[in-house]
Amino acid sequence: MKTLALFVSLLLTAAITGCRDDGSQVTNPTATGAKLIVRSGTSFGMCAGYCLRDLRIDSTDLLYTKRSWGRGSSTLPDSLLADTITPLRWAALKETVAAKYEAFSKLDTIIGCPDCADGGAEWIEIEQGATVRRVTFEYGKEIPEIKELIAIVREIRGKFEE
């Protein structure tokens, strides 16, 4: 009886740990058909005014949010700006995500020293269904593996920052 209980315990343990997602499987968002959302933003720790900026991009909409914190900025209300993305621009972004997703998924979640010495932080996040992957890096830096993706989201984000 003890042998059977031990066997069942080992079997259950193997089944439970074998189903855990360790992030080793790379699933390209455009291949699964799941809704794709791309986010990009910047933040600065020692800052006055709007120090956190976030852009959310889906197949039809752009939502740009500015938030304040720190040094006298707590009275500033959140600023929300919305626009639409053209089908052509969305197709280009989606194609770039598809081409760069494997490289993106292999990057460390934090690259360099984001916001050290108040240099600022920048991030790109890709959401596909229940899977979310974010990479944060030093503001304005180039990440060779995803430079095309960074260029597209910076260009879109820049239209809100003018």
C-alpha atoms as a PDB file:
ATOM      1  CA  MET A   1       0.000   0.000   0.000  1.00  0.00           C
ATOM      2  CA  LYS A   2       2.878   2.380   0.837  1.00  0.00           C
ATOM      3  CA  THR A   3       4.406   1.683  -2.565  1.00  0.00           C
ATOM      4  CA  LEU A   4       1.148   2.568  -4.307  1.00  0.00           C
ATOM      5  CA  ALA A   5       0.806   5.808  -2.302  1.00  0.00           C
ATOM      6  CA  LEU A   6       4.407   6.739  -3.093  1.00  0.00           C
ATOM      7  CA  PHE A   7       3.887   5.969  -6.787  1.00  0.00           C
ATOM      8  CA  VAL A   8       0.698   8.089  -6.935  1.00  0.00           C
ATOM      9  CA  SER A   9       2.459  10.956  -5.116  1.00  0.00           C
ATOM     10  CA  LEU A  10       5.371  10.876  -7.557  1.00  0.00           C
ATOM     11  CA  LEU A  11       3.014  10.696 -10.518  1.00  0.00           C
ATOM     12  CA  LEU A  12       0.997  13.697  -9.297  1.00  0.00           C
ATOM     13  CA  THR A  13       4.156  15.695  -8.585  1.00  0.00           C
ATOM     14  CA  ALA A  14       5.499  14.980 -12.065  1.00  0.00           C
ATOM     15  CA  ALA A  15       2.181  15.914 -13.647  1.00  0.00           C
ATOM     16  CA  ILE A  16       1.897  19.192 -11.751  1.00  0.00           C
ATOM     17  CA  THR A  17       5.485  20.342 -12.289  1.00  0.00           C
ATOM     18  CA  GLY A  18       5.485  19.152 -15.893  1.00  0.00           C
ATOM     19  CA  CYS A  19       2.613  21.501 -16.740  1.00  0.00           C
ATOM     20  CA  ARG A  20       4.282  24.605 -15.411  1.00  0.00           C
ATOM     21  CA  ASP A  21       5.206  27.251 -17.972  1.00  0.00           C
ATOM     22  CA  ASP A  22       8.907  27.970 -17.654  1.00  0.00           C
ATOM     23  CA  GLY A  23       8.868  30.451 -20.536  1.00  0.00           C
ATOM     24  CA  SER A  24      10.993  28.215 -22.745  1.00  0.00           C
ATOM     25  CA  GLN A  25       8.333  27.866 -25.415  1.00  0.00           C
ATOM     26  CA  VAL A  26       8.186  30.784 -27.808  1.00  0.00           C
ATOM     27  CA  THR A  27       4.759  31.424 -29.254  1.00  0.00           C
ATOM     28  CA  ASN A  28       4.566  34.060 -31.941  1.00  0.00           C
ATOM     29  CA  PRO A  29       1.543  36.305 -31.308  1.00  0.00           C
ATOM     30  CA  THR A  30       0.586  36.538 -34.946  1.00  0.00           C
ATOM     31  CA  ALA A  31       0.629  32.758 -35.363  1.00  0.00           C
ATOM     32  CA  THR A  32      -1.874  32.024 -32.588  1.00  0.00           C
ATOM     33  CA  GLY A  33      -4.696  34.321 -33.643  1.00  0.00           C
ATOM     34  CA  ALA A  34      -4.896  35.742 -30.095  1.00  0.00           C
ATOM     35  CA  LYS A  35      -5.527  39.463 -29.786  1.00  0.00           C
ATOM     36  CA  LEU A  36      -2.250  41.352 -29.987  1.00  0.00           C
ATOM     37  CA  ILE A  37      -1.579  44.422 -27.839  1.00  0.00           C
ATOM     38  CA  VAL A  38       1.726  46.290 -27.899  1.00  0.00           C
ATOM     39  CA  ARG A  39       2.655  48.734 -25.149  1.00  0.00           C
ATOM     40  CA  SER A  40       5.580  51.083 -24.947  1.00  0.00           C
ATOM     41  CA  GLY A  41       6.507  53.740 -22.478  1.00  0.00           C
ATOM     42  CA  THR A  42       9.033  55.748 -20.550  1.00  0.00           C
ATOM     43  CA  SER A  43       9.544  56.717 -16.936  1.00  0.00           C
ATOM     44  CA  PHE A  44      11.888  58.964 -15.010  1.00  0.00           C
ATOM     45  CA  GLY A  45      12.334  58.532 -11.260  1.00  0.00           C
ATOM     46  CA  MET A  46      13.622  61.975 -10.267  1.00  0.00           C
ATOM     47  CA  CYS A  47      11.258  64.130 -12.224  1.00  0.00           C
ATOM     48  CA  ALA A  48       8.741  66.923 -11.962  1.00  0.00           C
ATOM     49  CA  GLY A  49       5.691  67.000 -14.187  1.00  0.00           C
ATOM     50  CA  TYR A  50       4.543  64.070 -16.260  1.00  0.00           C
ATOM     51  CA  CYS A  51       7.202  61.438 -15.516  1.00  0.00           C
ATOM     52  CA  LEU A  52       5.438  58.285 -16.700  1.00  0.00           C
ATOM     53  CA  ARG A  53       4.230  57.940 -20.284  1.00  0.00           C
ATOM     54  CA  ASP A  54       2.529  54.838 -21.627  1.00  0.00           C
ATOM     55  CA  LEU A  55       1.252  53.969 -25.104  1.00  0.00           C
ATOM     56  CA  ARG A  56      -1.165  51.092 -25.699  1.00  0.00           C
ATOM     57  CA  ILE A  57      -1.591  49.919 -29.304  1.00  0.00           C
ATOM     58  CA  ASP A  58      -4.127  47.409 -30.558  1.00  0.00           C
ATOM     59  CA  SER A  59      -5.489  46.687 -34.025  1.00  0.00           C
ATOM     60  CA  THR A  60      -7.583  49.860 -34.126  1.00  0.00           C
ATOM     61  CA  ASP A  61      -6.734  52.159 -31.223  1.00  0.00           C
ATOM     62  CA  LEU A  62      -3.889  54.119 -29.702  1.00  0.00           C
ATOM     63  CA  LEU A  63      -4.195  55.181 -26.051  1.00  0.00           C
ATOM     64  CA  TYR A  64      -1.486  57.448 -24.662  1.00  0.00           C
ATOM     65  CA  THR A  65      -1.375  58.140 -20.926  1.00  0.00           C
ATOM     66  CA  LYS A  66       0.792  60.620 -19.025  1.00  0.00           C
ATOM     67  CA  ARG A  67       1.039  60.398 -15.224  1.00  0.00           C
ATOM     68  CA  SER A  68       2.878  62.525 -12.700  1.00  0.00           C
ATOM     69  CA  TRP A  69       4.629  61.782  -9.440  1.00  0.00           C
ATOM     70  CA  GLY A  70       7.180  63.289  -7.075  1.00  0.00           C
ATOM     71  CA  ARG A  71       8.373  66.850  -6.567  1.00  0.00           C
ATOM     72  CA  GLY A  72       5.195  68.896  -6.610  1.00  0.00           C
ATOM     73  CA  SER A  73       3.598  66.917  -9.394  1.00  0.00           C
ATOM     74  CA  SER A  74       1.002  65.056  -7.361  1.00  0.00           C
ATOM     75  CA  THR A  75      -1.661  67.628  -8.233  1.00  0.00           C
ATOM     76  CA  LEU A  76      -1.386  67.079 -11.974  1.00  0.00           C
ATOM     77  CA  PRO A  77      -4.258  65.012 -13.339  1.00  0.00           C
ATOM     78  CA  ASP A  78      -3.579  62.032 -15.573  1.00  0.00           C
ATOM     79  CA  SER A  79      -3.582  63.026 -19.224  1.00  0.00           C
ATOM     80  CA  LEU A  80      -5.262  60.591 -21.628  1.00  0.00           C
ATOM     81  CA  LEU A  81      -5.038  60.991 -25.388  1.00  0.00           C
ATOM     82  CA  ALA A  82      -6.626  58.641 -27.896  1.00  0.00           C
ATOM     83  CA  ASP A  83      -6.310  58.154 -31.624  1.00  0.00           C
ATOM     84  CA  THR A  84      -6.702  55.401 -34.174  1.00  0.00           C
ATOM     85  CA  ILE A  85      -3.994  53.456 -35.943  1.00  0.00           C
ATOM     86  CA  THR A  86      -4.249  53.072 -39.689  1.00  0.00           C
ATOM     87  CA  PRO A  87      -4.636  49.522 -41.022  1.00  0.00           C
ATOM     88  CA  LEU A  88      -1.362  49.952 -42.932  1.00  0.00           C
ATOM     89  CA  ARG A  89       0.538  51.056 -39.806  1.00  0.00           C
ATOM     90  CA  TRP A  90      -1.006  48.223 -37.756  1.00  0.00           C
ATOM     91  CA  ALA A  91      -0.015  45.685 -40.430  1.00  0.00           C
ATOM     92  CA  ALA A  92       3.578  46.977 -40.361  1.00  0.00           C
ATOM     93  CA  LEU A  93       3.704  46.775 -36.561  1.00  0.00           C
ATOM     94  CA  LYS A  94       2.160  43.305 -36.504  1.00  0.00           C
ATOM     95  CA  GLU A  95       4.606  42.103 -39.181  1.00  0.00           C
ATOM     96  CA  THR A  96       7.541  43.491 -37.204  1.00  0.00           C
ATOM     97  CA  VAL A  97       6.321  41.815 -34.007  1.00  0.00           C
ATOM     98  CA  ALA A  98       6.042  38.522 -35.903  1.00  0.00           C
ATOM     99  CA  ALA A  99       9.557  38.882 -37.318  1.00  0.00           C
ATOM    100  CA  LYS A 100      11.177  39.925 -34.026  1.00  0.00           C
ATOM    101  CA  TYR A 101       9.129  38.021 -31.437  1.00  0.00           C
ATOM    102  CA  GLU A 102      11.537  35.120 -30.991  1.00  0.00           C
ATOM    103  CA  ALA A 103      14.456  37.511 -30.420  1.00  0.00           C
ATOM    104  CA  PHE A 104      12.264  39.657 -28.122  1.00  0.00           C
ATOM    105  CA  SER A 105      11.261  36.634 -26.054  1.00  0.00           C
ATOM    106  CA  LYS A 106      14.919  35.693 -25.501  1.00  0.00           C
ATOM    107  CA  LEU A 107      15.971  39.107 -24.183  1.00  0.00           C
ATOM    108  CA  ASP A 108      16.433  39.665 -20.463  1.00  0.00           C
ATOM    109  CA  THR A 109      13.450  41.412 -18.907  1.00  0.00           C
ATOM    110  CA  ILE A 110      15.780  44.217 -17.763  1.00  0.00           C
ATOM    111  CA  ILE A 111      18.675  45.321 -19.963  1.00  0.00           C
ATOM    112  CA  GLY A 112      21.358  47.668 -18.682  1.00  0.00           C
ATOM    113  CA  CYS A 113      20.515  49.978 -15.812  1.00  0.00           C
ATOM    114  CA  PRO A 114      17.173  51.639 -16.612  1.00  0.00           C
ATOM    115  CA  ASP A 115      16.693  54.973 -14.819  1.00  0.00           C
ATOM    116  CA  CYS A 116      20.078  54.840 -13.102  1.00  0.00           C
ATOM    117  CA  ALA A 117      21.389  58.340 -12.446  1.00  0.00           C
ATOM    118  CA  ASP A 118      17.977  59.563 -13.632  1.00  0.00           C
ATOM    119  CA  GLY A 119      18.713  58.505 -17.180  1.00  0.00           C
ATOM    120  CA  GLY A 120      15.176  57.224 -17.591  1.00  0.00           C
ATOM    121  CA  ALA A 121      13.697  53.863 -18.432  1.00  0.00           C
ATOM    122  CA  GLU A 122      11.924  52.708 -21.560  1.00  0.00           C
ATOM    123  CA  TRP A 123       9.990  49.513 -22.177  1.00  0.00           C
ATOM    124  CA  ILE A 124       8.199  47.497 -24.792  1.00  0.00           C
ATOM    125  CA  GLU A 125       5.549  44.982 -23.849  1.00  0.00           C
ATOM    126  CA  ILE A 126       3.806  42.442 -26.062  1.00  0.00           C
ATOM    127  CA  GLU A 127       0.537  40.924 -24.885  1.00  0.00           C
ATOM    128  CA  GLN A 128      -0.992  37.927 -26.599  1.00  0.00           C
ATOM    129  CA  GLY A 129      -4.066  36.560 -24.867  1.00  0.00           C
ATOM    130  CA  ALA A 130      -2.955  35.688 -21.331  1.00  0.00           C
ATOM    131  CA  THR A 131       0.769  35.913 -22.163  1.00  0.00           C
ATOM    132  CA  VAL A 132       2.517  39.204 -21.426  1.00  0.00           C
ATOM    133  CA  ARG A 133       6.230  39.843 -21.964  1.00  0.00           C
ATOM    134  CA  ARG A 134       7.933  43.142 -21.112  1.00  0.00           C
ATOM    135  CA  VAL A 135      11.508  44.225 -21.744  1.00  0.00           C
ATOM    136  CA  THR A 136      12.770  47.334 -19.921  1.00  0.00           C
ATOM    137  CA  PHE A 137      15.950  49.133 -20.955  1.00  0.00           C
ATOM    138  CA  GLU A 138      17.758  52.456 -20.629  1.00  0.00           C
ATOM    139  CA  TYR A 139      15.840  55.382 -22.123  1.00  0.00           C
ATOM    140  CA  GLY A 140      16.822  56.119 -25.707  1.00  0.00           C
ATOM    141  CA  LYS A 141      19.128  53.115 -26.055  1.00  0.00           C
ATOM    142  CA  GLU A 142      19.078  50.809 -29.050  1.00  0.00           C
ATOM    143  CA  ILE A 143      18.589  47.088 -28.566  1.00  0.00           C
ATOM    144  CA  PRO A 144      19.964  45.528 -31.776  1.00  0.00           C
ATOM    145  CA  GLU A 145      17.735  42.450 -31.670  1.00  0.00           C
ATOM    146  CA  ILE A 146      14.542  44.543 -31.732  1.00  0.00           C
ATOM    147  CA  LYS A 147      15.661  47.863 -33.219  1.00  0.00           C
ATOM    148  CA  GLU A 148      12.921  47.813 -35.886  1.00  0.00           C
ATOM    149  CA  LEU A 149      10.215  47.268 -33.260  1.00  0.00           C
ATOM    150  CA  ILE A 150      11.637  50.036 -31.079  1.00  0.00           C
ATOM    151  CA  ALA A 151      11.714  52.418 -34.057  1.00  0.00           C
ATOM    152  CA  ILE A 152       8.039  51.844 -34.879  1.00  0.00           C
ATOM    153  CA  VAL A 153       6.748  52.304 -31.334  1.00  0.00           C
ATOM    154  CA  ARG A 154       8.954  55.350 -30.752  1.00  0.00           C
ATOM    155  CA  GLU A 155       7.637  56.923 -33.929  1.00  0.00           C
ATOM    156  CA  ILE A 156       4.020  56.326 -32.889  1.00  0.00           C
ATOM    157  CA  ARG A 157       4.691  57.499 -29.313  1.00  0.00           C
ATOM    158  CA  GLY A 158       6.476  60.584 -30.632  1.00  0.00           C
ATOM    159  CA  LYS A 159       3.303  61.821 -32.326  1.00  0.00           C
ATOM    160  CA  PHE A 160       1.712  62.182 -28.886  1.00  0.00           C
ATOM    161  CA  GLU A 161       4.751  63.891 -27.393  1.00  0.00           C
ATOM    162  CA  GLU A 162       4.950  66.738 -29.918  1.00  0.00           C
END
